[in-house]
Amino acid sequence: MRAKAAYRLIVTRTGRVPGILAADRVDQIEVQSLDDLEVVLFWDVPARETTRMEAALREDLERLDAEEFLARWRAFEVGGAPE
């Protein structure tokens, strides 16, 4: 099953200022399981990285299977890219 059929991406921006200008702002990104509505992945992300991380997550949701997606992103730490 494709990851996009199993998970939903939720991005919460904690301010109105664009991320590039919000030096101290921290946004939240979570991946929710559509089966039981439980959060399976969660990150507090500096606002400057939110857009880039959201795009990478959306791309992987489209192209990976659900298991591959979870395996790839479980090891992710903010400030780096998944391997």
PDB file of N, CA and C in Angstrom:
ATOM      1  N   MET A   1       0.840  -1.173   0.000  1.00  0.00           N
ATOM      2  CA  MET A   1       0.000   0.000   0.000  1.00  0.00           C
ATOM      3  C   MET A   1       0.892   1.245   0.000  1.00  0.00           C
ATOM      4  N   ARG A   2       0.545   2.210  -0.807  1.00  0.00           N
ATOM      5  CA  ARG A   2       1.280   3.465  -0.865  1.00  0.00           C
ATOM      6  C   ARG A   2       1.143   4.225   0.446  1.00  0.00           C
ATOM      7  N   ALA A   3       2.194   4.950   0.795  1.00  0.00           N
ATOM      8  CA  ALA A   3       2.215   5.698   2.045  1.00  0.00           C
ATOM      9  C   ALA A   3       1.103   6.744   2.089  1.00  0.00           C
ATOM     10  N   LYS A   4       0.799   7.362   0.949  1.00  0.00           N
ATOM     11  CA  LYS A   4      -0.232   8.399   0.952  1.00  0.00           C
ATOM     12  C   LYS A   4      -1.625   7.836   1.249  1.00  0.00           C
ATOM     13  N   ALA A   5      -1.816   6.537   1.053  1.00  0.00           N
ATOM     14  CA  ALA A   5      -3.091   5.904   1.383  1.00  0.00           C
ATOM     15  C   ALA A   5      -3.151   5.480   2.846  1.00  0.00           C
ATOM     16  N   ALA A   6      -2.004   5.481   3.524  1.00  0.00           N
ATOM     17  CA  ALA A   6      -1.942   5.029   4.913  1.00  0.00           C
ATOM     18  C   ALA A   6      -1.731   6.163   5.912  1.00  0.00           C
ATOM     19  N   TYR A   7      -1.165   7.296   5.448  1.00  0.00           N
ATOM     20  CA  TYR A   7      -0.799   8.370   6.363  1.00  0.00           C
ATOM     21  C   TYR A   7      -1.249   9.727   5.854  1.00  0.00           C
ATOM     22  N   ARG A   8      -1.440  10.634   6.813  1.00  0.00           N
ATOM     23  CA  ARG A   8      -1.798  12.019   6.505  1.00  0.00           C
ATOM     24  C   ARG A   8      -0.744  12.925   7.122  1.00  0.00           C
ATOM     25  N   LEU A   9      -0.308  13.919   6.378  1.00  0.00           N
ATOM     26  CA  LEU A   9       0.682  14.872   6.837  1.00  0.00           C
ATOM     27  C   LEU A   9      -0.027  16.104   7.390  1.00  0.00           C
ATOM     28  N   ILE A  10       0.351  16.505   8.604  1.00  0.00           N
ATOM     29  CA  ILE A  10      -0.227  17.695   9.234  1.00  0.00           C
ATOM     30  C   ILE A  10       0.921  18.637   9.580  1.00  0.00           C
ATOM     31  N   VAL A  11       0.870  19.857   9.051  1.00  0.00           N
ATOM     32  CA  VAL A  11       1.898  20.859   9.320  1.00  0.00           C
ATOM     33  C   VAL A  11       1.225  22.019  10.045  1.00  0.00           C
ATOM     34  N   THR A  12       1.752  22.356  11.223  1.00  0.00           N
ATOM     35  CA  THR A  12       1.210  23.455  12.011  1.00  0.00           C
ATOM     36  C   THR A  12       2.268  24.541  12.117  1.00  0.00           C
ATOM     37  N   ARG A  13       1.987  25.663  11.482  1.00  0.00           N
ATOM     38  CA  ARG A  13       2.896  26.806  11.567  1.00  0.00           C
ATOM     39  C   ARG A  13       2.416  27.678  12.728  1.00  0.00           C
ATOM     40  N   THR A  14       3.337  28.059  13.586  1.00  0.00           N
ATOM     41  CA  THR A  14       2.966  28.748  14.815  1.00  0.00           C
ATOM     42  C   THR A  14       3.019  30.265  14.705  1.00  0.00           C
ATOM     43  N   GLY A  15       3.034  30.778  13.490  1.00  0.00           N
ATOM     44  CA  GLY A  15       3.026  32.215  13.275  1.00  0.00           C
ATOM     45  C   GLY A  15       2.670  32.530  11.840  1.00  0.00           C
ATOM     46  N   ARG A  16       2.456  33.796  11.583  1.00  0.00           N
ATOM     47  CA  ARG A  16       2.059  34.224  10.235  1.00  0.00           C
ATOM     48  C   ARG A  16       3.228  34.677   9.369  1.00  0.00           C
ATOM     49  N   VAL A  17       4.339  34.978   9.998  1.00  0.00           N
ATOM     50  CA  VAL A  17       5.514  35.450   9.267  1.00  0.00           C
ATOM     51  C   VAL A  17       6.104  34.294   8.464  1.00  0.00           C
ATOM     52  N   PRO A  18       6.522  34.540   7.218  1.00  0.00           N
ATOM     53  CA  PRO A  18       7.157  33.480   6.437  1.00  0.00           C
ATOM     54  C   PRO A  18       8.356  32.895   7.190  1.00  0.00           C
ATOM     55  N   GLY A  19       8.568  31.598   7.036  1.00  0.00           N
ATOM     56  CA  GLY A  19       9.613  30.888   7.759  1.00  0.00           C
ATOM     57  C   GLY A  19      10.989  31.491   7.633  1.00  0.00           C
ATOM     58  N   ILE A  20      11.322  32.016   6.473  1.00  0.00           N
ATOM     59  CA  ILE A  20      12.648  32.574   6.247  1.00  0.00           C
ATOM     60  C   ILE A  20      12.900  33.789   7.145  1.00  0.00           C
ATOM     61  N   LEU A  21      11.823  34.463   7.568  1.00  0.00           N
ATOM     62  CA  LEU A  21      11.950  35.648   8.419  1.00  0.00           C
ATOM     63  C   LEU A  21      11.722  35.347   9.900  1.00  0.00           C
ATOM     64  N   ALA A  22      11.261  34.166  10.212  1.00  0.00           N
ATOM     65  CA  ALA A  22      10.911  33.812  11.589  1.00  0.00           C
ATOM     66  C   ALA A  22      12.072  33.074  12.246  1.00  0.00           C
ATOM     67  N   ALA A  23      13.024  33.824  12.753  1.00  0.00           N
ATOM     68  CA  ALA A  23      14.261  33.234  13.274  1.00  0.00           C
ATOM     69  C   ALA A  23      14.038  32.306  14.465  1.00  0.00           C
ATOM     70  N   ASP A  24      13.150  32.656  15.374  1.00  0.00           N
ATOM     71  CA  ASP A  24      12.983  31.877  16.605  1.00  0.00           C
ATOM     72  C   ASP A  24      11.751  30.987  16.617  1.00  0.00           C
ATOM     73  N   ARG A  25      10.976  31.013  15.559  1.00  0.00           N
ATOM     74  CA  ARG A  25       9.727  30.255  15.535  1.00  0.00           C
ATOM     75  C   ARG A  25       9.992  28.764  15.334  1.00  0.00           C
ATOM     76  N   VAL A  26       9.186  27.949  16.004  1.00  0.00           N
ATOM     77  CA  VAL A  26       9.262  26.494  15.855  1.00  0.00           C
ATOM     78  C   VAL A  26       7.892  25.999  15.422  1.00  0.00           C
ATOM     79  N   ASP A  27       7.844  25.292  14.291  1.00  0.00           N
ATOM     80  CA  ASP A  27       6.604  24.714  13.765  1.00  0.00           C
ATOM     81  C   ASP A  27       6.563  23.230  14.108  1.00  0.00           C
ATOM     82  N   GLN A  28       5.388  22.626  13.948  1.00  0.00           N
ATOM     83  CA  GLN A  28       5.239  21.200  14.201  1.00  0.00           C
ATOM     84  C   GLN A  28       4.833  20.487  12.916  1.00  0.00           C
ATOM     85  N   ILE A  29       5.438  19.331  12.704  1.00  0.00           N
ATOM     86  CA  ILE A  29       5.075  18.464  11.589  1.00  0.00           C
ATOM     87  C   ILE A  29       4.770  17.097  12.176  1.00  0.00           C
ATOM     88  N   GLU A  30       3.627  16.548  11.791  1.00  0.00           N
ATOM     89  CA  GLU A  30       3.272  15.210  12.261  1.00  0.00           C
ATOM     90  C   GLU A  30       2.711  14.380  11.121  1.00  0.00           C
ATOM     91  N   VAL A  31       2.904  13.089  11.251  1.00  0.00           N
ATOM     92  CA  VAL A  31       2.359  12.124  10.301  1.00  0.00           C
ATOM     93  C   VAL A  31       1.375  11.273  11.094  1.00  0.00           C
ATOM     94  N   GLN A  32       0.141  11.244  10.612  1.00  0.00           N
ATOM     95  CA  GLN A  32      -0.938  10.549  11.308  1.00  0.00           C
ATOM     96  C   GLN A  32      -1.377   9.334  10.499  1.00  0.00           C
ATOM     97  N   SER A  33      -1.577   8.232  11.187  1.00  0.00           N
ATOM     98  CA  SER A  33      -2.084   7.018  10.554  1.00  0.00           C
ATOM     99  C   SER A  33      -3.570   7.196  10.252  1.00  0.00           C
ATOM    100  N   LEU A  34      -3.990   6.866   9.050  1.00  0.00           N
ATOM    101  CA  LEU A  34      -5.404   6.985   8.683  1.00  0.00           C
ATOM    102  C   LEU A  34      -6.241   5.837   9.237  1.00  0.00           C
ATOM    103  N   ASP A  35      -5.595   4.731   9.606  1.00  0.00           N
ATOM    104  CA  ASP A  35      -6.326   3.587  10.165  1.00  0.00           C
ATOM    105  C   ASP A  35      -6.903   3.890  11.538  1.00  0.00           C
ATOM    106  N   ASP A  36      -6.061   4.423  12.428  1.00  0.00           N
ATOM    107  CA  ASP A  36      -6.498   4.637  13.807  1.00  0.00           C
ATOM    108  C   ASP A  36      -6.356   6.083  14.279  1.00  0.00           C
ATOM    109  N   LEU A  37      -5.955   6.977  13.381  1.00  0.00           N
ATOM    110  CA  LEU A  37      -5.783   8.399  13.654  1.00  0.00           C
ATOM    111  C   LEU A  37      -4.738   8.699  14.732  1.00  0.00           C
ATOM    112  N   GLU A  38      -3.813   7.777  14.930  1.00  0.00           N
ATOM    113  CA  GLU A  38      -2.717   7.970  15.879  1.00  0.00           C
ATOM    114  C   GLU A  38      -1.549   8.660  15.176  1.00  0.00           C
ATOM    115  N   VAL A  39      -0.849   9.507  15.907  1.00  0.00           N
ATOM    116  CA  VAL A  39       0.346  10.154  15.375  1.00  0.00           C
ATOM    117  C   VAL A  39       1.482   9.141  15.420  1.00  0.00           C
ATOM    118  N   VAL A  40       2.086   8.880  14.261  1.00  0.00           N
ATOM    119  CA  VAL A  40       3.174   7.901  14.193  1.00  0.00           C
ATOM    120  C   VAL A  40       4.550   8.568  14.120  1.00  0.00           C
ATOM    121  N   LEU A  41       4.592   9.805  13.641  1.00  0.00           N
ATOM    122  CA  LEU A  41       5.838  10.562  13.583  1.00  0.00           C
ATOM    123  C   LEU A  41       5.534  12.009  13.960  1.00  0.00           C
ATOM    124  N   PHE A  42       6.458  12.655  14.697  1.00  0.00           N
ATOM    125  CA  PHE A  42       6.248  14.041  15.114  1.00  0.00           C
ATOM    126  C   PHE A  42       7.595  14.729  15.244  1.00  0.00           C
ATOM    127  N   TRP A  43       7.665  15.968  14.750  1.00  0.00           N
ATOM    128  CA  TRP A  43       8.879  16.771  14.879  1.00  0.00           C
ATOM    129  C   TRP A  43       8.525  18.207  15.219  1.00  0.00           C
ATOM    130  N   ASP A  44       9.349  18.837  16.074  1.00  0.00           N
ATOM    131  CA  ASP A  44       9.372  20.290  16.238  1.00  0.00           C
ATOM    132  C   ASP A  44      10.460  20.769  15.295  1.00  0.00           C
ATOM    133  N   VAL A  45      10.085  21.649  14.370  1.00  0.00           N
ATOM    134  CA  VAL A  45      10.992  22.028  13.288  1.00  0.00           C
ATOM    135  C   VAL A  45      11.199  23.538  13.290  1.00  0.00           C
ATOM    136  N   PRO A  46      12.454  24.013  13.201  1.00  0.00           N
ATOM    137  CA  PRO A  46      12.678  25.449  13.035  1.00  0.00           C
ATOM    138  C   PRO A  46      11.936  25.933  11.783  1.00  0.00           C
ATOM    139  N   ALA A  47      11.323  27.096  11.889  1.00  0.00           N
ATOM    140  CA  ALA A  47      10.483  27.611  10.799  1.00  0.00           C
ATOM    141  C   ALA A  47      11.210  27.670   9.459  1.00  0.00           C
ATOM    142  N   ARG A  48      12.501  27.908   9.484  1.00  0.00           N
ATOM    143  CA  ARG A  48      13.262  27.999   8.232  1.00  0.00           C
ATOM    144  C   ARG A  48      13.340  26.666   7.496  1.00  0.00           C
ATOM    145  N   GLU A  49      13.135  25.565   8.206  1.00  0.00           N
ATOM    146  CA  GLU A  49      13.234  24.230   7.592  1.00  0.00           C
ATOM    147  C   GLU A  49      11.882  23.603   7.271  1.00  0.00           C
ATOM    148  N   THR A  50      10.805  24.207   7.734  1.00  0.00           N
ATOM    149  CA  THR A  50       9.480  23.595   7.626  1.00  0.00           C
ATOM    150  C   THR A  50       9.080  23.322   6.180  1.00  0.00           C
ATOM    151  N   THR A  51       9.187  24.297   5.315  1.00  0.00           N
ATOM    152  CA  THR A  51       8.752  24.136   3.923  1.00  0.00           C
ATOM    153  C   THR A  51       9.536  23.040   3.210  1.00  0.00           C
ATOM    154  N   ARG A  52      10.838  23.027   3.425  1.00  0.00           N
ATOM    155  CA  ARG A  52      11.697  22.022   2.777  1.00  0.00           C
ATOM    156  C   ARG A  52      11.360  20.610   3.269  1.00  0.00           C
ATOM    157  N   MET A  53      11.164  20.479   4.589  1.00  0.00           N
ATOM    158  CA  MET A  53      10.847  19.166   5.153  1.00  0.00           C
ATOM    159  C   MET A  53       9.463  18.705   4.711  1.00  0.00           C
ATOM    160  N   GLU A  54       8.509  19.628   4.670  1.00  0.00           N
ATOM    161  CA  GLU A  54       7.161  19.281   4.212  1.00  0.00           C
ATOM    162  C   GLU A  54       7.194  18.765   2.776  1.00  0.00           C
ATOM    163  N   ALA A  55       7.949  19.424   1.914  1.00  0.00           N
ATOM    164  CA  ALA A  55       8.052  18.996   0.517  1.00  0.00           C
ATOM    165  C   ALA A  55       8.669  17.600   0.405  1.00  0.00           C
ATOM    166  N   ALA A  56       9.711  17.337   1.184  1.00  0.00           N
ATOM    167  CA  ALA A  56      10.351  16.015   1.154  1.00  0.00           C
ATOM    168  C   ALA A  56       9.398  14.929   1.650  1.00  0.00           C
ATOM    169  N   LEU A  57       8.649  15.222   2.701  1.00  0.00           N
ATOM    170  CA  LEU A  57       7.676  14.256   3.215  1.00  0.00           C
ATOM    171  C   LEU A  57       6.585  13.975   2.188  1.00  0.00           C
ATOM    172  N   ARG A  58       6.059  15.020   1.561  1.00  0.00           N
ATOM    173  CA  ARG A  58       5.007  14.834   0.550  1.00  0.00           C
ATOM    174  C   ARG A  58       5.509  14.004  -0.630  1.00  0.00           C
ATOM    175  N   GLU A  59       6.738  14.259  -1.045  1.00  0.00           N
ATOM    176  CA  GLU A  59       7.323  13.491  -2.151  1.00  0.00           C
ATOM    177  C   GLU A  59       7.429  12.010  -1.779  1.00  0.00           C
ATOM    178  N   ASP A  60       7.906  11.734  -0.569  1.00  0.00           N
ATOM    179  CA  ASP A  60       8.048  10.347  -0.138  1.00  0.00           C
ATOM    180  C   ASP A  60       6.689   9.678   0.078  1.00  0.00           C
ATOM    181  N   LEU A  61       5.698  10.419   0.526  1.00  0.00           N
ATOM    182  CA  LEU A  61       4.347   9.859   0.660  1.00  0.00           C
ATOM    183  C   LEU A  61       3.825   9.385  -0.697  1.00  0.00           C
ATOM    184  N   GLU A  62       4.166  10.102  -1.741  1.00  0.00           N
ATOM    185  CA  GLU A  62       3.709   9.760  -3.093  1.00  0.00           C
ATOM    186  C   GLU A  62       4.440   8.546  -3.674  1.00  0.00           C
ATOM    187  N   ARG A  63       5.728   8.425  -3.399  1.00  0.00           N
ATOM    188  CA  ARG A  63       6.520   7.426  -4.124  1.00  0.00           C
ATOM    189  C   ARG A  63       6.859   6.158  -3.340  1.00  0.00           C
ATOM    190  N   LEU A  64       6.747   6.179  -2.008  1.00  0.00           N
ATOM    191  CA  LEU A  64       7.149   5.014  -1.212  1.00  0.00           C
ATOM    192  C   LEU A  64       5.951   4.218  -0.712  1.00  0.00           C
ATOM    193  N   ASP A  65       6.207   2.952  -0.420  1.00  0.00           N
ATOM    194  CA  ASP A  65       5.212   2.142   0.274  1.00  0.00           C
ATOM    195  C   ASP A  65       5.174   2.588   1.733  1.00  0.00           C
ATOM    196  N   ALA A  66       4.105   2.240   2.437  1.00  0.00           N
ATOM    197  CA  ALA A  66       3.913   2.672   3.823  1.00  0.00           C
ATOM    198  C   ALA A  66       5.067   2.232   4.727  1.00  0.00           C
ATOM    199  N   GLU A  67       5.507   0.986   4.591  1.00  0.00           N
ATOM    200  CA  GLU A  67       6.586   0.482   5.440  1.00  0.00           C
ATOM    201  C   GLU A  67       7.909   1.187   5.142  1.00  0.00           C
ATOM    202  N   GLU A  68       8.190   1.405   3.855  1.00  0.00           N
ATOM    203  CA  GLU A  68       9.416   2.097   3.457  1.00  0.00           C
ATOM    204  C   GLU A  68       9.423   3.534   3.978  1.00  0.00           C
ATOM    205  N   PHE A  69       8.269   4.175   3.889  1.00  0.00           N
ATOM    206  CA  PHE A  69       8.146   5.549   4.354  1.00  0.00           C
ATOM    207  C   PHE A  69       8.473   5.651   5.842  1.00  0.00           C
ATOM    208  N   LEU A  70       7.845   4.795   6.644  1.00  0.00           N
ATOM    209  CA  LEU A  70       8.097   4.822   8.091  1.00  0.00           C
ATOM    210  C   LEU A  70       9.551   4.509   8.415  1.00  0.00           C
ATOM    211  N   ALA A  71      10.116   3.525   7.767  1.00  0.00           N
ATOM    212  CA  ALA A  71      11.505   3.166   8.019  1.00  0.00           C
ATOM    213  C   ALA A  71      12.437   4.340   7.693  1.00  0.00           C
ATOM    214  N   ARG A  72      12.163   5.016   6.607  1.00  0.00           N
ATOM    215  CA  ARG A  72      13.008   6.132   6.179  1.00  0.00           C
ATOM    216  C   ARG A  72      12.922   7.311   7.141  1.00  0.00           C
ATOM    217  N   TRP A  73      11.724   7.669   7.577  1.00  0.00           N
ATOM    218  CA  TRP A  73      11.537   8.874   8.367  1.00  0.00           C
ATOM    219  C   TRP A  73      11.641   8.671   9.874  1.00  0.00           C
ATOM    220  N   ARG A  74      11.569   7.458  10.367  1.00  0.00           N
ATOM    221  CA  ARG A  74      11.740   7.230  11.817  1.00  0.00           C
ATOM    222  C   ARG A  74      13.135   7.638  12.280  1.00  0.00           C
ATOM    223  N   ALA A  75      14.113   7.484  11.433  1.00  0.00           N
ATOM    224  CA  ALA A  75      15.494   7.796  11.802  1.00  0.00           C
ATOM    225  C   ALA A  75      15.855   9.261  11.562  1.00  0.00           C
ATOM    226  N   PHE A  76      14.926  10.043  11.056  1.00  0.00           N
ATOM    227  CA  PHE A  76      15.209  11.434  10.706  1.00  0.00           C
ATOM    228  C   PHE A  76      15.357  12.304  11.942  1.00  0.00           C
ATOM    229  N   GLU A  77      16.391  13.144  11.952  1.00  0.00           N
ATOM    230  CA  GLU A  77      16.575  14.129  12.986  1.00  0.00           C
ATOM    231  C   GLU A  77      16.533  15.499  12.327  1.00  0.00           C
ATOM    232  N   VAL A  78      15.849  16.444  12.961  1.00  0.00           N
ATOM    233  CA  VAL A  78      15.747  17.784  12.410  1.00  0.00           C
ATOM    234  C   VAL A  78      17.152  18.364  12.279  1.00  0.00           C
ATOM    235  N   GLY A  79      17.397  18.986  11.126  1.00  0.00           N
ATOM    236  CA  GLY A  79      18.708  19.542  10.856  1.00  0.00           C
ATOM    237  C   GLY A  79      19.490  18.728   9.852  1.00  0.00           C
ATOM    238  N   GLY A  80      18.990  17.551   9.508  1.00  0.00           N
ATOM    239  CA  GLY A  80      19.633  16.697   8.508  1.00  0.00           C
ATOM    240  C   GLY A  80      18.579  16.203   7.545  1.00  0.00           C
ATOM    241  N   ALA A  81      18.994  15.427   6.600  1.00  0.00           N
ATOM    242  CA  ALA A  81      18.067  14.862   5.638  1.00  0.00           C
ATOM    243  C   ALA A  81      18.044  13.352   5.837  1.00  0.00           C
ATOM    244  N   PRO A  82      16.903  12.713   5.554  1.00  0.00           N
ATOM    245  CA  PRO A  82      16.861  11.258   5.687  1.00  0.00           C
ATOM    246  C   PRO A  82      17.809  10.598   4.696  1.00  0.00           C
ATOM    247  N   GLU A  83      18.366   9.485   5.100  1.00  0.00           N
ATOM    248  CA  GLU A  83      19.324   8.791   4.224  1.00  0.00           C
ATOM    249  C   GLU A  83      18.649   7.715   3.414  1.00  0.00           C
TER     250      GLU A  83
END
